[in-house]
Amino acid sequence: MVGDQELRGLEPYAGRWVALVNGRVFGVGWTSEEARLASKRSRPREEPRLLYVPVVEEAMDELDPTA
């Protein structure tokens, strides 16, 4: 399970997979394989850690004052 601490700073990648090497993003994709391959292009000898960054949506009650 991925903790909130690990996802901090990855908000721009919401809804996508990221490939991390030493805590830095080296690949992004719509699938884990796309992210892994993107990472391998710049860091071929490193094995990335793949994470899915979920889309965080605010509760509709907070957005609609009439609810």
N, C-alpha and C. Protein backbone atom coordinates (compact mmCIF):
# COMPACT_ATOMS: atom_id res chain seq x y z
N MET A 1 0.83 -1.18 0.00
CA MET A 1 0.00 0.00 0.00
C MET A 1 0.88 1.24 0.00
N VAL A 2 0.50 2.22 -0.77
CA VAL A 2 1.26 3.45 -0.89
C VAL A 2 0.73 4.46 0.11
N GLY A 3 1.62 5.07 0.87
CA GLY A 3 1.21 6.06 1.85
C GLY A 3 1.13 7.46 1.26
N ASP A 4 0.44 8.35 1.98
CA ASP A 4 0.30 9.73 1.54
C ASP A 4 1.66 10.41 1.41
N GLN A 5 2.59 10.04 2.29
CA GLN A 5 3.92 10.64 2.25
C GLN A 5 4.62 10.36 0.92
N GLU A 6 4.48 9.15 0.41
CA GLU A 6 5.11 8.78 -0.86
C GLU A 6 4.50 9.53 -2.04
N LEU A 7 3.20 9.86 -1.94
CA LEU A 7 2.51 10.52 -3.04
C LEU A 7 2.68 12.04 -3.02
N ARG A 8 3.22 12.57 -1.94
CA ARG A 8 3.40 14.01 -1.84
C ARG A 8 4.31 14.50 -2.96
N GLY A 9 3.87 15.53 -3.65
CA GLY A 9 4.64 16.08 -4.76
C GLY A 9 4.33 15.44 -6.10
N LEU A 10 3.52 14.39 -6.10
CA LEU A 10 3.19 13.71 -7.35
C LEU A 10 1.82 14.11 -7.89
N GLU A 11 1.20 15.13 -7.32
CA GLU A 11 -0.13 15.57 -7.74
C GLU A 11 -0.22 15.87 -9.24
N PRO A 12 0.81 16.43 -9.87
CA PRO A 12 0.71 16.68 -11.32
C PRO A 12 0.53 15.42 -12.15
N TYR A 13 0.84 14.26 -11.58
CA TYR A 13 0.73 12.99 -12.29
C TYR A 13 -0.54 12.22 -11.94
N ALA A 14 -1.51 12.88 -11.32
CA ALA A 14 -2.75 12.22 -10.89
C ALA A 14 -3.42 11.50 -12.05
N GLY A 15 -3.80 10.25 -11.80
CA GLY A 15 -4.45 9.43 -12.81
C GLY A 15 -3.48 8.68 -13.70
N ARG A 16 -2.19 8.78 -13.41
CA ARG A 16 -1.17 8.10 -14.22
C ARG A 16 -0.24 7.27 -13.36
N TRP A 17 0.55 6.45 -14.02
CA TRP A 17 1.59 5.66 -13.38
C TRP A 17 2.89 6.43 -13.44
N VAL A 18 3.69 6.37 -12.37
CA VAL A 18 5.01 6.97 -12.37
C VAL A 18 6.04 5.90 -12.03
N ALA A 19 7.23 6.07 -12.59
CA ALA A 19 8.35 5.17 -12.31
C ALA A 19 9.38 5.99 -11.54
N LEU A 20 9.67 5.55 -10.32
CA LEU A 20 10.61 6.25 -9.46
C LEU A 20 11.92 5.49 -9.37
N VAL A 21 13.02 6.24 -9.45
CA VAL A 21 14.35 5.69 -9.23
C VAL A 21 15.00 6.59 -8.19
N ASN A 22 15.37 6.02 -7.06
CA ASN A 22 15.95 6.79 -5.96
C ASN A 22 15.05 7.95 -5.55
N GLY A 23 13.74 7.75 -5.57
CA GLY A 23 12.79 8.75 -5.14
C GLY A 23 12.49 9.85 -6.14
N ARG A 24 13.06 9.77 -7.33
CA ARG A 24 12.82 10.77 -8.38
C ARG A 24 12.05 10.16 -9.53
N VAL A 25 11.18 10.97 -10.15
CA VAL A 25 10.37 10.50 -11.28
C VAL A 25 11.24 10.44 -12.54
N PHE A 26 11.30 9.25 -13.15
CA PHE A 26 12.04 9.09 -14.40
C PHE A 26 11.16 8.59 -15.53
N GLY A 27 9.89 8.30 -15.22
CA GLY A 27 8.98 7.86 -16.27
C GLY A 27 7.54 8.04 -15.83
N VAL A 28 6.69 8.39 -16.80
CA VAL A 28 5.27 8.58 -16.55
C VAL A 28 4.50 7.94 -17.69
N GLY A 29 3.36 7.32 -17.39
CA GLY A 29 2.55 6.72 -18.45
C GLY A 29 1.15 6.42 -17.98
N TRP A 30 0.29 6.12 -18.94
CA TRP A 30 -1.10 5.75 -18.64
C TRP A 30 -1.18 4.32 -18.13
N THR A 31 -0.13 3.52 -18.39
CA THR A 31 -0.04 2.16 -17.86
C THR A 31 1.29 2.02 -17.13
N SER A 32 1.38 1.00 -16.29
CA SER A 32 2.64 0.78 -15.57
C SER A 32 3.77 0.45 -16.53
N GLU A 33 3.45 -0.27 -17.60
CA GLU A 33 4.48 -0.64 -18.58
C GLU A 33 5.00 0.60 -19.32
N GLU A 34 4.12 1.53 -19.66
CA GLU A 34 4.57 2.78 -20.30
C GLU A 34 5.53 3.54 -19.39
N ALA A 35 5.19 3.63 -18.11
CA ALA A 35 6.04 4.34 -17.16
C ALA A 35 7.39 3.63 -17.00
N ARG A 36 7.35 2.31 -16.93
CA ARG A 36 8.59 1.53 -16.77
C ARG A 36 9.50 1.72 -17.97
N LEU A 37 8.93 1.63 -19.18
CA LEU A 37 9.74 1.80 -20.39
C LEU A 37 10.30 3.21 -20.51
N ALA A 38 9.51 4.21 -20.13
CA ALA A 38 10.00 5.60 -20.17
C ALA A 38 11.18 5.76 -19.21
N SER A 39 11.10 5.13 -18.07
CA SER A 39 12.19 5.19 -17.10
C SER A 39 13.44 4.49 -17.63
N LYS A 40 13.24 3.35 -18.27
CA LYS A 40 14.38 2.58 -18.79
C LYS A 40 15.14 3.33 -19.89
N ARG A 41 14.45 4.22 -20.60
CA ARG A 41 15.14 5.00 -21.64
C ARG A 41 16.21 5.92 -21.05
N SER A 42 15.94 6.48 -19.88
CA SER A 42 16.92 7.39 -19.29
C SER A 42 17.79 6.71 -18.23
N ARG A 43 17.30 5.64 -17.61
CA ARG A 43 18.05 4.92 -16.57
C ARG A 43 18.00 3.42 -16.85
N PRO A 44 18.65 2.96 -17.93
CA PRO A 44 18.50 1.55 -18.35
C PRO A 44 18.98 0.51 -17.33
N ARG A 45 19.92 0.87 -16.49
CA ARG A 45 20.46 -0.12 -15.54
C ARG A 45 19.70 -0.15 -14.22
N GLU A 46 18.85 0.83 -14.00
CA GLU A 46 18.09 0.92 -12.75
C GLU A 46 16.73 0.27 -12.91
N GLU A 47 16.27 -0.39 -11.86
CA GLU A 47 14.93 -0.98 -11.87
C GLU A 47 14.00 -0.01 -11.11
N PRO A 48 13.02 0.57 -11.79
CA PRO A 48 12.17 1.57 -11.14
C PRO A 48 11.13 0.97 -10.21
N ARG A 49 10.67 1.78 -9.29
CA ARG A 49 9.52 1.43 -8.45
C ARG A 49 8.31 2.08 -9.11
N LEU A 50 7.30 1.30 -9.39
CA LEU A 50 6.12 1.80 -10.10
C LEU A 50 5.00 2.10 -9.11
N LEU A 51 4.42 3.30 -9.25
CA LEU A 51 3.32 3.73 -8.39
C LEU A 51 2.21 4.31 -9.23
N TYR A 52 0.97 4.01 -8.85
CA TYR A 52 -0.18 4.67 -9.47
C TYR A 52 -0.55 5.86 -8.59
N VAL A 53 -0.70 7.03 -9.20
CA VAL A 53 -1.08 8.23 -8.46
C VAL A 53 -2.58 8.43 -8.64
N PRO A 54 -3.35 8.23 -7.59
CA PRO A 54 -4.80 8.33 -7.73
C PRO A 54 -5.27 9.77 -7.91
N VAL A 55 -6.43 9.90 -8.54
CA VAL A 55 -7.06 11.21 -8.69
C VAL A 55 -7.82 11.48 -7.40
N VAL A 56 -7.54 12.61 -6.78
CA VAL A 56 -8.22 12.97 -5.54
C VAL A 56 -9.30 13.98 -5.88
N GLU A 57 -10.55 13.61 -5.58
CA GLU A 57 -11.68 14.49 -5.84
C GLU A 57 -12.27 14.96 -4.52
N GLU A 58 -12.63 16.24 -4.49
CA GLU A 58 -13.27 16.76 -3.29
C GLU A 58 -14.70 16.26 -3.22
N ALA A 59 -15.22 16.17 -2.03
CA ALA A 59 -16.61 15.73 -1.85
C ALA A 59 -17.54 16.74 -2.49
N MET A 60 -18.57 16.26 -3.15
CA MET A 60 -19.51 17.14 -3.84
C MET A 60 -20.22 18.09 -2.87
N ASP A 61 -20.42 17.69 -1.62
CA ASP A 61 -21.07 18.55 -0.62
C ASP A 61 -20.26 19.82 -0.39
N GLU A 62 -18.96 19.72 -0.44
CA GLU A 62 -18.11 20.89 -0.23
C GLU A 62 -18.18 21.85 -1.41
N LEU A 63 -18.41 21.33 -2.60
CA LEU A 63 -18.43 22.16 -3.80
C LEU A 63 -19.79 22.80 -4.06
N ASP A 64 -20.86 22.16 -3.60
CA ASP A 64 -22.21 22.64 -3.87
C ASP A 64 -22.86 23.10 -2.56
N PRO A 65 -22.92 24.42 -2.33
CA PRO A 65 -23.46 24.93 -1.07
C PRO A 65 -24.95 24.65 -0.90
N THR A 66 -25.67 24.29 -1.96
CA THR A 66 -27.11 24.02 -1.86
C THR A 66 -27.38 22.60 -1.37
N ALA A 67 -26.39 21.77 -1.32
CA ALA A 67 -26.59 20.36 -0.93
C ALA A 67 -26.77 20.23 0.57
